[in-house]
Amino acid sequence: MHALEQKILAEGIVLSDQVLKVDSFLNHQIDPVMMQQVGQEFARLFKDAGITKIITIEASGIAPAVMAGLELGVPVIFARKYQSLTLKDDLYRSKVFSFTKQVESTIAISKKHITESDKVLVIDDFLANGQAALGLADLIHQADAEVVGIGIVIEKSFQPGRQLLLDKGYRVESLARVESLKDGTVTFVTE
């Protein structure tokens, strides 16, 4: 997605060879026009997959997931990273390790929002080591629902997440694939 790549080049900040900061349009402040384009692209890529639900993880996956849900006309569920007073019973739970935060979290969704007849698209903001996507897929499998694909806004292709997900048989569609962050410069995978 050329527009997304241009946005990353213009506004992304390389913090290290491993970390790309995109808080001006995705992870803190949200550019709604860019997120609308992201949602449209996910809808185009997965339009024939029979999707009935989209699942993401709070918080940075919510904006692209909602826009894709709007385009596809399906509900969006976001897994919570903590339990609240209103979300405590009848949950599917999984553990996820965050590369960026270097912490393990328990994520959860209510059993009432997903059934075995659902065909679910996972959407997330970043793909690095694949742990968030695997945790979300685990929640879907606990419900005996089907993971029809994994949509990623920005993939760090130099980390093992993509291959891990492909090896498990998942369809992975990334809108921007970063090949390297070396020397403070973003370079993209060219196909």
Protein backbone atom coordinates (compact mmCIF):
# COMPACT_ATOMS: atom_id res chain seq x y z
CA MET A 1 0.00 0.00 0.00
CA HIS A 2 1.96 2.92 -1.34
CA ALA A 3 0.15 5.63 0.64
CA LEU A 4 0.93 3.84 3.91
CA GLU A 5 4.58 3.42 2.98
CA GLN A 6 4.80 7.13 2.16
CA LYS A 7 3.20 7.97 5.52
CA ILE A 8 5.74 5.77 7.32
CA LEU A 9 8.62 7.44 5.49
CA ALA A 10 7.26 10.94 6.21
CA GLU A 11 6.18 10.50 9.84
CA GLY A 12 7.71 7.29 11.19
CA ILE A 13 10.62 7.59 13.60
CA VAL A 14 13.24 4.85 13.73
CA LEU A 15 14.17 4.42 17.39
CA SER A 16 16.54 1.49 16.81
CA ASP A 17 17.27 -1.29 14.33
CA GLN A 18 14.26 -3.08 15.88
CA VAL A 19 11.72 -0.33 16.74
CA LEU A 20 9.68 1.95 14.47
CA LYS A 21 7.55 4.64 16.12
CA VAL A 22 4.37 5.60 14.25
CA ASP A 23 2.50 7.41 17.00
CA SER A 24 1.62 10.38 14.78
CA PHE A 25 -0.91 8.35 12.77
CA LEU A 26 -1.46 4.86 14.25
CA ASN A 27 -0.31 4.15 17.80
CA HIS A 28 -1.26 7.32 19.69
CA GLN A 29 -2.70 9.94 17.41
CA ILE A 30 -4.82 8.37 14.67
CA ASP A 31 -5.07 9.64 11.11
CA PRO A 32 -8.68 8.73 10.25
CA VAL A 33 -8.21 9.16 6.50
CA MET A 34 -5.22 6.81 6.52
CA MET A 35 -7.12 4.32 8.70
CA GLN A 36 -10.06 4.47 6.28
CA GLN A 37 -7.68 3.59 3.43
CA VAL A 38 -6.22 0.77 5.54
CA GLY A 39 -9.74 -0.57 6.24
CA GLN A 40 -10.61 -0.41 2.55
CA GLU A 41 -7.46 -2.32 1.62
CA PHE A 42 -8.12 -5.06 4.19
CA ALA A 43 -11.71 -5.30 2.89
CA ARG A 44 -10.42 -5.63 -0.68
CA LEU A 45 -7.89 -8.31 0.26
CA PHE A 46 -10.34 -10.42 2.28
CA LYS A 47 -13.65 -9.66 0.52
CA ASP A 48 -14.17 -13.26 -0.61
CA ALA A 49 -13.23 -14.93 2.71
CA GLY A 50 -16.76 -15.00 4.15
CA ILE A 51 -15.73 -13.01 7.23
CA THR A 52 -18.35 -12.74 9.99
CA LYS A 53 -16.17 -11.09 12.68
CA ILE A 54 -12.92 -9.21 13.09
CA ILE A 55 -10.77 -9.62 16.18
CA THR A 56 -7.94 -7.35 17.27
CA ILE A 57 -6.11 -6.51 20.47
CA GLU A 58 -6.38 -3.28 22.39
CA ALA A 59 -5.44 -0.57 21.80
CA SER A 60 -3.53 0.13 18.59
CA GLY A 61 -5.32 -2.51 16.53
CA ILE A 62 -8.75 -1.02 17.16
CA ALA A 63 -8.68 1.80 14.58
CA PRO A 64 -7.68 -0.33 11.57
CA ALA A 65 -9.97 -3.16 12.69
CA VAL A 66 -13.00 -0.87 13.05
CA MET A 67 -12.39 0.64 9.63
CA ALA A 68 -12.11 -2.84 8.08
CA GLY A 69 -15.25 -3.89 9.95
CA LEU A 70 -17.08 -0.86 8.59
CA GLU A 71 -16.01 -1.71 5.04
CA LEU A 72 -16.89 -5.41 5.40
CA GLY A 73 -20.08 -4.79 7.39
CA VAL A 74 -19.10 -7.07 10.28
CA PRO A 75 -18.68 -6.60 14.06
CA VAL A 76 -15.26 -5.99 15.59
CA ILE A 77 -14.17 -7.56 18.87
CA PHE A 78 -11.10 -6.33 20.68
CA ALA A 79 -9.33 -8.56 23.14
CA ARG A 80 -8.65 -6.84 26.41
CA LYS A 81 -5.22 -7.00 27.99
CA TYR A 82 -6.58 -6.83 31.49
CA GLN A 83 -9.71 -7.88 33.26
CA SER A 84 -12.24 -5.29 34.25
CA LEU A 85 -15.23 -5.37 36.55
CA THR A 86 -17.50 -5.76 33.53
CA LEU A 87 -15.44 -8.45 31.75
CA LYS A 88 -14.74 -11.24 34.21
CA ASP A 89 -16.88 -14.31 33.51
CA ASP A 90 -17.22 -16.70 30.57
CA LEU A 91 -14.03 -15.64 28.85
CA TYR A 92 -11.62 -17.12 26.40
CA ARG A 93 -8.09 -16.28 27.59
CA SER A 94 -4.63 -16.47 26.11
CA LYS A 95 -1.16 -15.21 27.02
CA VAL A 96 0.73 -12.81 24.75
CA PHE A 97 4.29 -11.53 25.01
CA SER A 98 4.82 -7.98 23.72
CA PHE A 99 8.17 -7.42 22.01
CA THR A 100 7.83 -3.63 22.26
CA LYS A 101 6.84 -3.55 25.93
CA GLN A 102 8.81 -6.66 26.95
CA VAL A 103 5.93 -7.90 29.08
CA GLU A 104 3.54 -10.84 29.03
CA SER A 105 -0.18 -10.06 29.19
CA THR A 106 -3.30 -12.15 29.47
CA ILE A 107 -5.79 -11.21 26.78
CA ALA A 108 -9.47 -12.09 26.94
CA ILE A 109 -12.71 -11.92 25.00
CA SER A 110 -16.22 -12.77 26.08
CA LYS A 111 -17.52 -16.15 24.94
CA LYS A 112 -20.83 -14.56 23.98
CA HIS A 113 -19.30 -12.61 21.08
CA ILE A 114 -17.82 -15.49 19.07
CA THR A 115 -19.28 -18.84 18.06
CA GLU A 116 -18.13 -21.93 16.20
CA SER A 117 -19.88 -20.70 13.03
CA ASP A 118 -17.74 -17.53 12.86
CA LYS A 119 -15.12 -16.93 10.19
CA VAL A 120 -12.73 -14.48 11.79
CA LEU A 121 -10.19 -12.04 10.43
CA VAL A 122 -7.41 -11.07 12.84
CA ILE A 123 -6.14 -7.50 12.41
CA ASP A 124 -3.21 -5.92 14.23
CA ASP A 125 -1.08 -2.82 13.90
CA PHE A 126 2.36 -4.50 13.86
CA LEU A 127 3.76 -7.93 13.17
CA ALA A 128 7.17 -8.59 14.72
CA ASN A 129 7.46 -11.97 16.43
CA GLY A 130 3.86 -13.05 15.82
CA GLN A 131 2.89 -13.50 19.45
CA ALA A 132 -0.13 -11.16 19.43
CA ALA A 133 -1.53 -12.77 16.28
CA LEU A 134 -0.99 -16.26 17.74
CA GLY A 135 -2.72 -15.24 20.97
CA LEU A 136 -5.70 -13.88 19.04
CA ALA A 137 -5.83 -17.03 16.89
CA ASP A 138 -5.78 -19.10 20.09
CA LEU A 139 -8.87 -17.24 21.35
CA ILE A 140 -10.63 -17.94 18.05
CA HIS A 141 -9.68 -21.64 18.15
CA GLN A 142 -10.96 -21.92 21.74
CA ALA A 143 -14.38 -20.93 20.35
CA ASP A 144 -14.02 -23.56 17.58
CA ALA A 145 -14.30 -20.71 15.08
CA GLU A 146 -12.17 -20.37 11.94
CA VAL A 147 -9.27 -17.97 11.41
CA VAL A 148 -9.62 -16.96 7.74
CA GLY A 149 -6.62 -14.65 7.72
CA ILE A 150 -4.37 -12.23 9.53
CA GLY A 151 -4.21 -8.62 8.38
CA ILE A 152 -1.24 -6.54 9.51
CA VAL A 153 -0.82 -2.81 9.03
CA ILE A 154 3.01 -2.78 9.37
CA GLU A 155 5.13 -5.91 9.28
CA LYS A 156 8.74 -5.93 10.42
CA SER A 157 9.84 -8.59 7.93
CA PHE A 158 13.28 -8.90 9.49
CA GLN A 159 11.68 -10.51 12.54
CA PRO A 160 10.29 -14.08 12.54
CA GLY A 161 6.55 -13.41 12.97
CA ARG A 162 5.46 -13.78 9.35
CA GLN A 163 7.21 -17.12 8.88
CA LEU A 164 5.86 -18.42 12.19
CA LEU A 165 2.29 -17.62 11.11
CA LEU A 166 2.78 -19.03 7.60
CA ASP A 167 4.26 -22.22 9.08
CA LYS A 168 1.05 -22.62 11.11
CA GLY A 169 -0.98 -22.37 7.91
CA TYR A 170 -2.37 -18.85 8.29
CA ARG A 171 -2.91 -16.46 5.40
CA VAL A 172 -0.97 -13.27 6.22
CA GLU A 173 -1.60 -9.99 4.41
CA SER A 174 0.60 -7.05 5.43
CA LEU A 175 -0.02 -3.59 4.01
CA ALA A 176 3.54 -2.34 4.55
CA ARG A 177 6.46 -4.75 4.88
CA VAL A 178 9.55 -3.19 6.45
CA GLU A 179 12.72 -4.95 5.34
CA SER A 180 15.13 -2.99 7.55
CA LEU A 181 15.45 -0.15 10.05
CA LYS A 182 19.25 -0.11 9.90
CA ASP A 183 21.07 3.21 10.24
CA GLY A 184 17.82 4.99 11.06
CA THR A 185 16.38 4.38 7.62
CA VAL A 186 13.17 2.55 6.75
CA THR A 187 13.43 0.27 3.73
CA PHE A 188 10.54 -1.79 2.44
CA VAL A 189 10.33 -5.28 1.01
CA THR A 190 9.92 -5.02 -2.76
CA GLU A 191 8.07 -7.85 -4.44
